[in-house]
Amino acid sequence: QVRLVESGGGLVRAGGFLRLSCAASGRSSFDAVAWYRQPVGSQRDWVARISPRNNANYNDFAKGRFTIYTNNAKDTVDLQMDNLKPEDTGVYYCHVEWWDYDEQKSAWGQGTQVTVSS
């Protein structure tokens, strides 16, 4: 069973930075790893996604401020978030997708809270 654990969330002032990490167990490779976020009372939005070939894509609000990358030293997929804004506040989730024979599967982590104060 695939299990994801996010870490690195916390409280930071506007303009600051955080680095989130997503660690997986139960499987060593995925077709895609993505970060999502969910502010209180809002829907979950996609933030960034990375492919096995390290091709990265970002939602418009993340472009130029966030970087998703594979951290080979830690065996995690990290999300470096710079120049944070209060509107970046929310629970950040890691999401993975993979094919199991002819069935596409996915999994979510439990989330990590990011709070940006003004």
Protein backbone atom coordinates (compact mmCIF):
# COMPACT_ATOMS: atom_id res chain seq x y z
CA GLN A 1 0.00 0.00 0.00
CA VAL A 2 1.35 3.41 -0.96
CA ARG A 3 1.71 5.84 1.92
CA LEU A 4 2.70 9.48 1.59
CA VAL A 5 4.00 11.67 4.38
CA GLU A 6 4.33 15.42 3.96
CA SER A 7 6.53 17.56 6.15
CA GLY A 8 7.97 21.05 6.29
CA GLY A 9 4.87 23.13 6.88
CA GLY A 10 4.73 25.86 9.47
CA LEU A 11 4.16 29.50 10.22
CA VAL A 12 6.10 32.09 8.26
CA ARG A 13 5.83 35.81 7.61
CA ALA A 14 4.94 37.18 4.22
CA GLY A 15 8.01 37.25 2.00
CA GLY A 16 9.50 34.25 3.75
CA PHE A 17 10.04 30.75 2.49
CA LEU A 18 9.30 27.12 3.30
CA ARG A 19 10.34 23.84 1.80
CA LEU A 20 7.83 21.01 1.87
CA SER A 21 8.81 17.38 1.41
CA CYS A 22 6.81 14.39 0.29
CA ALA A 23 8.12 10.96 1.23
CA ALA A 24 6.56 7.80 -0.20
CA SER A 25 6.59 4.22 0.96
CA GLY A 26 5.13 1.13 -0.63
CA ARG A 27 6.28 2.03 -4.12
CA SER A 28 9.47 3.54 -5.52
CA SER A 29 8.30 5.20 -8.73
CA PHE A 30 5.26 7.10 -9.94
CA ASP A 31 4.00 8.48 -13.21
CA ALA A 32 3.43 11.86 -11.60
CA VAL A 33 3.93 13.54 -8.25
CA ALA A 34 2.02 16.70 -7.51
CA TRP A 35 1.40 19.17 -4.74
CA TYR A 36 -2.06 20.54 -4.05
CA ARG A 37 -3.28 23.03 -1.51
CA GLN A 38 -6.56 23.72 0.18
CA PRO A 39 -7.31 26.96 1.99
CA VAL A 40 -9.94 26.83 4.73
CA GLY A 41 -13.40 26.82 3.19
CA SER A 42 -12.09 26.46 -0.36
CA GLN A 43 -11.56 23.67 -2.82
CA ARG A 44 -8.30 21.83 -3.26
CA ASP A 45 -6.17 23.39 -6.02
CA TRP A 46 -3.27 21.99 -7.95
CA VAL A 47 0.04 23.76 -7.23
CA ALA A 48 2.77 21.94 -9.16
CA ARG A 49 3.49 18.60 -10.78
CA ILE A 50 6.66 16.76 -11.76
CA SER A 51 7.12 13.80 -14.08
CA PRO A 52 9.65 10.96 -13.80
CA ARG A 53 11.77 12.87 -16.32
CA ASN A 54 11.68 15.90 -14.03
CA ASN A 55 9.42 17.91 -16.28
CA ALA A 56 7.69 20.39 -14.00
CA ASN A 57 4.46 22.31 -14.43
CA TYR A 58 3.00 25.00 -12.22
CA ASN A 59 -0.28 26.66 -11.58
CA ASP A 60 -0.14 30.34 -12.50
CA PHE A 61 0.02 31.53 -8.87
CA ALA A 62 3.07 29.33 -8.26
CA LYS A 63 5.11 30.34 -11.31
CA GLY A 64 8.26 32.23 -10.40
CA ARG A 65 7.86 31.60 -6.66
CA PHE A 66 7.56 27.83 -6.19
CA THR A 67 9.87 25.09 -7.40
CA ILE A 68 9.04 21.38 -7.40
CA TYR A 69 11.95 18.99 -7.65
CA THR A 70 13.14 15.51 -6.85
CA ASN A 71 15.43 15.55 -3.83
CA ASN A 72 17.64 12.57 -4.47
CA ALA A 73 19.52 12.95 -1.20
CA LYS A 74 16.32 12.55 0.81
CA ASP A 75 14.40 10.45 -1.71
CA THR A 76 11.55 12.93 -1.58
CA VAL A 77 9.75 15.28 -3.89
CA ASP A 78 10.11 18.75 -2.47
CA LEU A 79 8.28 21.99 -3.02
CA GLN A 80 10.41 25.05 -2.42
CA MET A 81 8.14 28.02 -1.78
CA ASP A 82 9.69 31.49 -1.86
CA ASN A 83 8.23 34.96 -1.41
CA LEU A 84 5.24 33.52 0.38
CA LYS A 85 2.03 35.52 0.58
CA PRO A 86 -0.86 35.33 3.06
CA GLU A 87 -3.03 33.87 0.30
CA ASP A 88 -0.67 30.88 0.16
CA THR A 89 -2.04 29.80 3.53
CA GLY A 90 -3.64 26.37 3.52
CA VAL A 91 -3.09 22.66 3.91
CA TYR A 92 -0.65 21.34 1.34
CA TYR A 93 -1.08 17.79 0.09
CA CYS A 94 1.13 15.47 -1.87
CA HIS A 95 -0.53 13.37 -4.57
CA VAL A 96 0.89 10.55 -6.68
CA GLU A 97 -0.35 8.60 -9.69
CA TRP A 98 0.79 5.36 -11.19
CA TRP A 99 -0.41 2.51 -13.41
CA ASP A 100 -0.93 -0.91 -11.91
CA TYR A 101 -1.22 -3.11 -14.98
CA ASP A 102 -4.22 -1.51 -16.73
CA GLU A 103 -5.60 0.35 -13.75
CA GLN A 104 -4.60 3.88 -12.88
CA LYS A 105 -4.18 4.45 -9.17
CA SER A 106 -3.49 7.43 -6.98
CA ALA A 107 -2.85 8.31 -3.38
CA TRP A 108 -2.93 11.37 -1.13
CA GLY A 109 -0.89 12.30 1.87
CA GLN A 110 -2.40 13.60 5.09
CA GLY A 111 -1.33 17.18 4.42
CA THR A 112 0.86 19.73 6.11
CA GLN A 113 -0.32 23.14 7.26
CA VAL A 114 1.26 26.28 5.82
CA THR A 115 0.35 29.59 7.42
CA VAL A 116 1.67 32.88 6.07
CA SER A 117 1.13 35.93 8.25
CA SER A 118 0.98 39.45 6.89
